């Protein structure tokens, strides 16, 4: 059953966010830092719409973007996040990284390693200009997304934390306030194909 997008205001550690929730299937796209990690909000909404997945996107209505770590976002009293985690079985959580030594690397962390490999295969096939990394030992510690309080790991089947460099999520070097990002078509298509496979039960 599909519910239209519902936007609510939530305050986390004194910062006001807008949380936009769309309930569809039990596969979910999550963008916790849509304001500061440009392109992740747009990718989450697009991939969810194209695959019939649920989506929860956090943005900030005003002020400079504030980055609150994922586990602290989960600790906030946010009804939209609670509903998302209760409805969704498998989460694909989109994040942005700016590692200067890995400008073309897409890191796939999170507790569901089978699902990470599915997304990795699709990204390697459909977005070959990027280096897709699924081996946890090759993913920087801070990008592995394995914390037990990280929302990506709080759904029934866990999930995949997708860490995207700027080139994989936006066509602009700097964020323009009020103007949506335009993620590369190859990345959007690869994530769409991977999420569709996961939704069909392709965890192996």
C-alpha atoms as a PDB file:
ATOM      1  CA  UNK A   1       0.000   0.000   0.000  1.00  0.00           C
ATOM      2  CA  UNK A   2       1.375   3.417  -0.937  1.00  0.00           C
ATOM      3  CA  UNK A   3       0.973   6.555   1.123  1.00  0.00           C
ATOM      4  CA  UNK A   4       1.808   9.960  -0.312  1.00  0.00           C
ATOM      5  CA  UNK A   5       4.846  11.805   0.977  1.00  0.00           C
ATOM      6  CA  UNK A   6       4.271  13.206   4.453  1.00  0.00           C
ATOM      7  CA  UNK A   7       6.607  15.923   5.723  1.00  0.00           C
ATOM      8  CA  UNK A   8       7.015  16.593   9.429  1.00  0.00           C
ATOM      9  CA  UNK A   9       9.323  18.873  11.406  1.00  0.00           C
ATOM     10  CA  UNK A  10      11.649  17.296  13.939  1.00  0.00           C
ATOM     11  CA  UNK A  11      14.285  18.852  16.190  1.00  0.00           C
ATOM     12  CA  UNK A  12      17.478  16.878  16.801  1.00  0.00           C
ATOM     13  CA  UNK A  13      20.043  18.321  19.212  1.00  0.00           C
ATOM     14  CA  UNK A  14      18.593  21.775  18.697  1.00  0.00           C
ATOM     15  CA  UNK A  15      18.631  21.567  14.887  1.00  0.00           C
ATOM     16  CA  UNK A  16      15.344  21.654  12.972  1.00  0.00           C
ATOM     17  CA  UNK A  17      14.907  19.140  10.165  1.00  0.00           C
ATOM     18  CA  UNK A  18      12.170  18.263   7.721  1.00  0.00           C
ATOM     19  CA  UNK A  19      11.595  14.520   7.532  1.00  0.00           C
ATOM     20  CA  UNK A  20       9.781  13.438   4.350  1.00  0.00           C
ATOM     21  CA  UNK A  21       8.336   9.915   4.595  1.00  0.00           C
ATOM     22  CA  UNK A  22       6.757   7.918   1.761  1.00  0.00           C
ATOM     23  CA  UNK A  23       5.521   4.436   2.664  1.00  0.00           C
ATOM     24  CA  UNK A  24       5.525   1.883  -0.132  1.00  0.00           C
ATOM     25  CA  UNK A  25       7.215  -1.551  -0.104  1.00  0.00           C
ATOM     26  CA  UNK A  26       9.253  -3.086   2.710  1.00  0.00           C
ATOM     27  CA  UNK A  27      12.509  -2.096   0.999  1.00  0.00           C
ATOM     28  CA  UNK A  28      13.494   1.422   1.994  1.00  0.00           C
ATOM     29  CA  UNK A  29      15.761   4.264   0.857  1.00  0.00           C
ATOM     30  CA  UNK A  30      17.098   6.485   3.626  1.00  0.00           C
ATOM     31  CA  UNK A  31      18.920   9.831   3.375  1.00  0.00           C
ATOM     32  CA  UNK A  32      19.722  11.099   6.863  1.00  0.00           C
ATOM     33  CA  UNK A  33      21.910  14.005   5.729  1.00  0.00           C
ATOM     34  CA  UNK A  34      20.125  15.247   2.626  1.00  0.00           C
ATOM     35  CA  UNK A  35      20.947  18.892   3.341  1.00  0.00           C
ATOM     36  CA  UNK A  36      24.692  18.543   3.727  1.00  0.00           C
ATOM     37  CA  UNK A  37      25.474  15.522   1.569  1.00  0.00           C
ATOM     38  CA  UNK A  38      24.277  16.899  -1.748  1.00  0.00           C
ATOM     39  CA  UNK A  39      22.535  14.507  -4.101  1.00  0.00           C
ATOM     40  CA  UNK A  40      21.651  11.875  -1.507  1.00  0.00           C
ATOM     41  CA  UNK A  41      18.133  13.235  -1.010  1.00  0.00           C
ATOM     42  CA  UNK A  42      17.500  13.366  -4.760  1.00  0.00           C
ATOM     43  CA  UNK A  43      18.903   9.861  -5.282  1.00  0.00           C
ATOM     44  CA  UNK A  44      16.816   8.414  -2.451  1.00  0.00           C
ATOM     45  CA  UNK A  45      13.607   9.913  -3.800  1.00  0.00           C
ATOM     46  CA  UNK A  46      14.304   8.927  -7.409  1.00  0.00           C
ATOM     47  CA  UNK A  47      15.380   5.350  -6.719  1.00  0.00           C
ATOM     48  CA  UNK A  48      12.463   4.808  -4.336  1.00  0.00           C
ATOM     49  CA  UNK A  49       9.950   6.144  -6.870  1.00  0.00           C
ATOM     50  CA  UNK A  50      11.388   4.024  -9.701  1.00  0.00           C
ATOM     51  CA  UNK A  51      11.395   0.807  -7.654  1.00  0.00           C
ATOM     52  CA  UNK A  52       8.289   1.245  -5.512  1.00  0.00           C
ATOM     53  CA  UNK A  53      10.415   1.377  -2.370  1.00  0.00           C
ATOM     54  CA  UNK A  54       9.669   3.380   0.743  1.00  0.00           C
ATOM     55  CA  UNK A  55      11.730   6.505   1.394  1.00  0.00           C
ATOM     56  CA  UNK A  56      12.674   8.742   4.285  1.00  0.00           C
ATOM     57  CA  UNK A  57      14.637  11.897   3.521  1.00  0.00           C
ATOM     58  CA  UNK A  58      15.925  14.428   6.043  1.00  0.00           C
ATOM     59  CA  UNK A  59      16.672  17.994   4.965  1.00  0.00           C
ATOM     60  CA  UNK A  60      17.036  21.319   6.766  1.00  0.00           C
ATOM     61  CA  UNK A  61      14.564  24.092   5.927  1.00  0.00           C
ATOM     62  CA  UNK A  62      17.008  26.859   6.823  1.00  0.00           C
ATOM     63  CA  UNK A  63      20.500  27.648   8.010  1.00  0.00           C
ATOM     64  CA  UNK A  64      23.819  26.029   7.129  1.00  0.00           C
ATOM     65  CA  UNK A  65      23.770  22.206   7.007  1.00  0.00           C
ATOM     66  CA  UNK A  66      24.547  20.517  10.320  1.00  0.00           C
ATOM     67  CA  UNK A  67      25.903  16.969  10.320  1.00  0.00           C
ATOM     68  CA  UNK A  68      24.599  14.871  13.199  1.00  0.00           C
ATOM     69  CA  UNK A  69      25.993  11.302  13.194  1.00  0.00           C
ATOM     70  CA  UNK A  70      23.576   8.584  12.170  1.00  0.00           C
ATOM     71  CA  UNK A  71      23.342   6.883  15.565  1.00  0.00           C
ATOM     72  CA  UNK A  72      22.425  10.182  17.193  1.00  0.00           C
ATOM     73  CA  UNK A  73      19.751  10.814  14.562  1.00  0.00           C
ATOM     74  CA  UNK A  74      18.289   7.425  15.504  1.00  0.00           C
ATOM     75  CA  UNK A  75      18.211   8.370  19.175  1.00  0.00           C
ATOM     76  CA  UNK A  76      16.020  11.419  18.517  1.00  0.00           C
ATOM     77  CA  UNK A  77      12.272  11.161  19.189  1.00  0.00           C
ATOM     78  CA  UNK A  78      11.294  11.141  15.511  1.00  0.00           C
ATOM     79  CA  UNK A  79       7.996   9.452  14.670  1.00  0.00           C
ATOM     80  CA  UNK A  80       8.784   9.402  10.926  1.00  0.00           C
ATOM     81  CA  UNK A  81      11.986   7.439  11.521  1.00  0.00           C
ATOM     82  CA  UNK A  82      10.196   5.100  13.927  1.00  0.00           C
ATOM     83  CA  UNK A  83       7.516   4.385  11.304  1.00  0.00           C
ATOM     84  CA  UNK A  84      10.127   3.844   8.606  1.00  0.00           C
ATOM     85  CA  UNK A  85      12.108   1.368  10.708  1.00  0.00           C
ATOM     86  CA  UNK A  86       8.949  -0.493  11.728  1.00  0.00           C
ATOM     87  CA  UNK A  87       7.676  -0.811   8.139  1.00  0.00           C
ATOM     88  CA  UNK A  88      10.885  -1.537   6.237  1.00  0.00           C
ATOM     89  CA  UNK A  89      12.714  -4.882   6.256  1.00  0.00           C
ATOM     90  CA  UNK A  90      15.841  -3.878   4.317  1.00  0.00           C
ATOM     91  CA  UNK A  91      17.358  -0.391   4.250  1.00  0.00           C
ATOM     92  CA  UNK A  92      19.634   1.231   1.674  1.00  0.00           C
ATOM     93  CA  UNK A  93      21.046   4.300   3.399  1.00  0.00           C
ATOM     94  CA  UNK A  94      22.666   6.924   1.150  1.00  0.00           C
ATOM     95  CA  UNK A  95      25.520   9.088   2.427  1.00  0.00           C
ATOM     96  CA  UNK A  96      28.219  11.296   0.999  1.00  0.00           C
ATOM     97  CA  UNK A  97      31.933  11.186   1.665  1.00  0.00           C
ATOM     98  CA  UNK A  98      34.686  13.614   0.662  1.00  0.00           C
ATOM     99  CA  UNK A  99      37.792  11.468   1.078  1.00  0.00           C
ATOM    100  CA  UNK A 100      40.494  13.207  -1.013  1.00  0.00           C
ATOM    101  CA  UNK A 101      42.296   9.880  -1.503  1.00  0.00           C
ATOM    102  CA  UNK A 102      39.143   8.191  -2.871  1.00  0.00           C
ATOM    103  CA  UNK A 103      37.413  10.680  -5.224  1.00  0.00           C
ATOM    104  CA  UNK A 104      35.934   7.891  -7.403  1.00  0.00           C
ATOM    105  CA  UNK A 105      35.239   5.292  -4.696  1.00  0.00           C
ATOM    106  CA  UNK A 106      31.740   4.178  -3.713  1.00  0.00           C
ATOM    107  CA  UNK A 107      31.933   2.314  -0.396  1.00  0.00           C
ATOM    108  CA  UNK A 108      29.229  -0.214   0.480  1.00  0.00           C
ATOM    109  CA  UNK A 109      29.081  -0.839   4.214  1.00  0.00           C
ATOM    110  CA  UNK A 110      26.272  -1.863   6.538  1.00  0.00           C
ATOM    111  CA  UNK A 111      25.501  -5.154   8.250  1.00  0.00           C
ATOM    112  CA  UNK A 112      23.785  -6.935   5.333  1.00  0.00           C
ATOM    113  CA  UNK A 113      26.813  -8.018   3.335  1.00  0.00           C
ATOM    114  CA  UNK A 114      24.837 -10.105   0.828  1.00  0.00           C
ATOM    115  CA  UNK A 115      22.759  -7.045  -0.070  1.00  0.00           C
ATOM    116  CA  UNK A 116      25.939  -4.958  -0.323  1.00  0.00           C
ATOM    117  CA  UNK A 117      27.328  -7.402  -2.873  1.00  0.00           C
ATOM    118  CA  UNK A 118      24.138  -7.159  -4.951  1.00  0.00           C
ATOM    119  CA  UNK A 119      24.416  -3.382  -5.101  1.00  0.00           C
ATOM    120  CA  UNK A 120      28.131  -3.678  -5.749  1.00  0.00           C
ATOM    121  CA  UNK A 121      27.598  -5.866  -8.795  1.00  0.00           C
ATOM    122  CA  UNK A 122      25.050  -3.452 -10.259  1.00  0.00           C
ATOM    123  CA  UNK A 123      27.254  -0.423  -9.653  1.00  0.00           C
ATOM    124  CA  UNK A 124      30.294  -2.147 -11.163  1.00  0.00           C
ATOM    125  CA  UNK A 125      28.276  -3.070 -14.248  1.00  0.00           C
ATOM    126  CA  UNK A 126      26.277   0.117 -14.812  1.00  0.00           C
ATOM    127  CA  UNK A 127      28.571   2.781 -13.323  1.00  0.00           C
ATOM    128  CA  UNK A 128      32.020   1.406 -14.210  1.00  0.00           C
ATOM    129  CA  UNK A 129      33.741   4.802 -14.029  1.00  0.00           C
ATOM    130  CA  UNK A 130      33.541   4.518 -10.242  1.00  0.00           C
ATOM    131  CA  UNK A 131      35.465   2.116  -8.016  1.00  0.00           C
ATOM    132  CA  UNK A 132      32.890   0.120  -6.049  1.00  0.00           C
ATOM    133  CA  UNK A 133      34.239  -1.284  -2.776  1.00  0.00           C
ATOM    134  CA  UNK A 134      32.401  -4.020  -0.853  1.00  0.00           C
ATOM    135  CA  UNK A 135      35.327  -5.508   1.094  1.00  0.00           C
ATOM    136  CA  UNK A 136      34.940  -4.118   4.619  1.00  0.00           C
ATOM    137  CA  UNK A 137      38.689  -4.251   5.214  1.00  0.00           C
ATOM    138  CA  UNK A 138      39.150  -1.789   2.357  1.00  0.00           C
ATOM    139  CA  UNK A 139      36.475   0.627   3.594  1.00  0.00           C
ATOM    140  CA  UNK A 140      37.648   3.386   5.971  1.00  0.00           C
ATOM    141  CA  UNK A 141      36.536   2.733   9.553  1.00  0.00           C
ATOM    142  CA  UNK A 142      34.251   5.745   9.708  1.00  0.00           C
ATOM    143  CA  UNK A 143      32.382   4.721   6.551  1.00  0.00           C
ATOM    144  CA  UNK A 144      31.657   1.074   7.324  1.00  0.00           C
ATOM    145  CA  UNK A 145      28.214   1.671   8.843  1.00  0.00           C
ATOM    146  CA  UNK A 146      28.363  -1.299  11.199  1.00  0.00           C
ATOM    147  CA  UNK A 147      27.297   0.384  14.437  1.00  0.00           C
ATOM    148  CA  UNK A 148      24.361  -1.383  16.118  1.00  0.00           C
ATOM    149  CA  UNK A 149      22.587   1.948  16.697  1.00  0.00           C
ATOM    150  CA  UNK A 150      23.009   3.092  13.093  1.00  0.00           C
ATOM    151  CA  UNK A 151      19.515   3.200  11.493  1.00  0.00           C
ATOM    152  CA  UNK A 152      20.768   1.190   8.498  1.00  0.00           C
ATOM    153  CA  UNK A 153      21.143  -1.797  10.826  1.00  0.00           C
ATOM    154  CA  UNK A 154      17.891  -1.377  12.772  1.00  0.00           C
ATOM    155  CA  UNK A 155      15.482  -2.884  10.257  1.00  0.00           C
ATOM    156  CA  UNK A 156      14.708  -6.598  10.282  1.00  0.00           C
ATOM    157  CA  UNK A 157      17.173  -7.569   7.534  1.00  0.00           C
ATOM    158  CA  UNK A 158      19.645  -4.791   8.274  1.00  0.00           C
ATOM    159  CA  UNK A 159      20.882  -2.905   5.271  1.00  0.00           C
ATOM    160  CA  UNK A 160      23.572  -1.317   3.139  1.00  0.00           C
ATOM    161  CA  UNK A 161      25.276   2.006   3.846  1.00  0.00           C
ATOM    162  CA  UNK A 162      26.197   3.537   0.494  1.00  0.00           C
ATOM    163  CA  UNK A 163      28.947   6.163   0.785  1.00  0.00           C
ATOM    164  CA  UNK A 164      29.143   8.245  -2.397  1.00  0.00           C
ATOM    165  CA  UNK A 165      31.886  10.708  -3.380  1.00  0.00           C
ATOM    166  CA  UNK A 166      30.739  14.089  -4.746  1.00  0.00           C
ATOM    167  CA  UNK A 167      31.208  12.961  -8.373  1.00  0.00           C
ATOM    168  CA  UNK A 168      28.741  10.100  -7.811  1.00  0.00           C
ATOM    169  CA  UNK A 169      25.961  12.251  -6.393  1.00  0.00           C
ATOM    170  CA  UNK A 170      26.085  15.736  -7.891  1.00  0.00           C
ATOM    171  CA  UNK A 171      27.027  17.489 -11.105  1.00  0.00           C
ATOM    172  CA  UNK A 172      28.052  20.703  -9.310  1.00  0.00           C
ATOM    173  CA  UNK A 173      31.185  21.399  -7.255  1.00  0.00           C
ATOM    174  CA  UNK A 174      29.222  23.486  -4.747  1.00  0.00           C
ATOM    175  CA  UNK A 175      25.681  23.282  -3.406  1.00  0.00           C
ATOM    176  CA  UNK A 176      23.321  25.997  -4.671  1.00  0.00           C
ATOM    177  CA  UNK A 177      20.653  26.690  -2.015  1.00  0.00           C
ATOM    178  CA  UNK A 178      17.164  25.838  -3.185  1.00  0.00           C
ATOM    179  CA  UNK A 179      18.321  24.141  -6.385  1.00  0.00           C
ATOM    180  CA  UNK A 180      17.980  20.319  -6.528  1.00  0.00           C
ATOM    181  CA  UNK A 181      21.103  18.325  -7.274  1.00  0.00           C
ATOM    182  CA  UNK A 182      21.419  16.277 -10.467  1.00  0.00           C
ATOM    183  CA  UNK A 183      23.095  12.944  -9.656  1.00  0.00           C
ATOM    184  CA  UNK A 184      24.845  11.112 -12.510  1.00  0.00           C
ATOM    185  CA  UNK A 185      22.408   9.036 -14.558  1.00  0.00           C
ATOM    186  CA  UNK A 186      24.660   5.961 -14.417  1.00  0.00           C
ATOM    187  CA  UNK A 187      24.667   5.955 -10.608  1.00  0.00           C
ATOM    188  CA  UNK A 188      20.904   6.464 -10.386  1.00  0.00           C
ATOM    189  CA  UNK A 189      20.313   3.655 -12.878  1.00  0.00           C
ATOM    190  CA  UNK A 190      22.714   1.303 -11.082  1.00  0.00           C
ATOM    191  CA  UNK A 191      21.150   1.924  -7.680  1.00  0.00           C
ATOM    192  CA  UNK A 192      17.687   1.507  -9.180  1.00  0.00           C
ATOM    193  CA  UNK A 193      18.647  -1.860 -10.675  1.00  0.00           C
ATOM    194  CA  UNK A 194      20.274  -2.980  -7.431  1.00  0.00           C
ATOM    195  CA  UNK A 195      17.361  -1.964  -5.226  1.00  0.00           C
ATOM    196  CA  UNK A 196      14.909  -3.644  -7.610  1.00  0.00           C
ATOM    197  CA  UNK A 197      16.931  -6.858  -7.332  1.00  0.00           C
ATOM    198  CA  UNK A 198      16.994  -6.609  -3.548  1.00  0.00           C
ATOM    199  CA  UNK A 199      13.246  -5.994  -3.437  1.00  0.00           C
ATOM    200  CA  UNK A 200      12.755  -9.160  -5.452  1.00  0.00           C
ATOM    201  CA  UNK A 201      14.667 -11.101  -2.804  1.00  0.00           C
ATOM    202  CA  UNK A 202      18.090 -11.079  -4.426  1.00  0.00           C
ATOM    203  CA  UNK A 203      20.188 -11.083  -1.253  1.00  0.00           C
ATOM    204  CA  UNK A 204      22.467 -13.947  -2.309  1.00  0.00           C
END
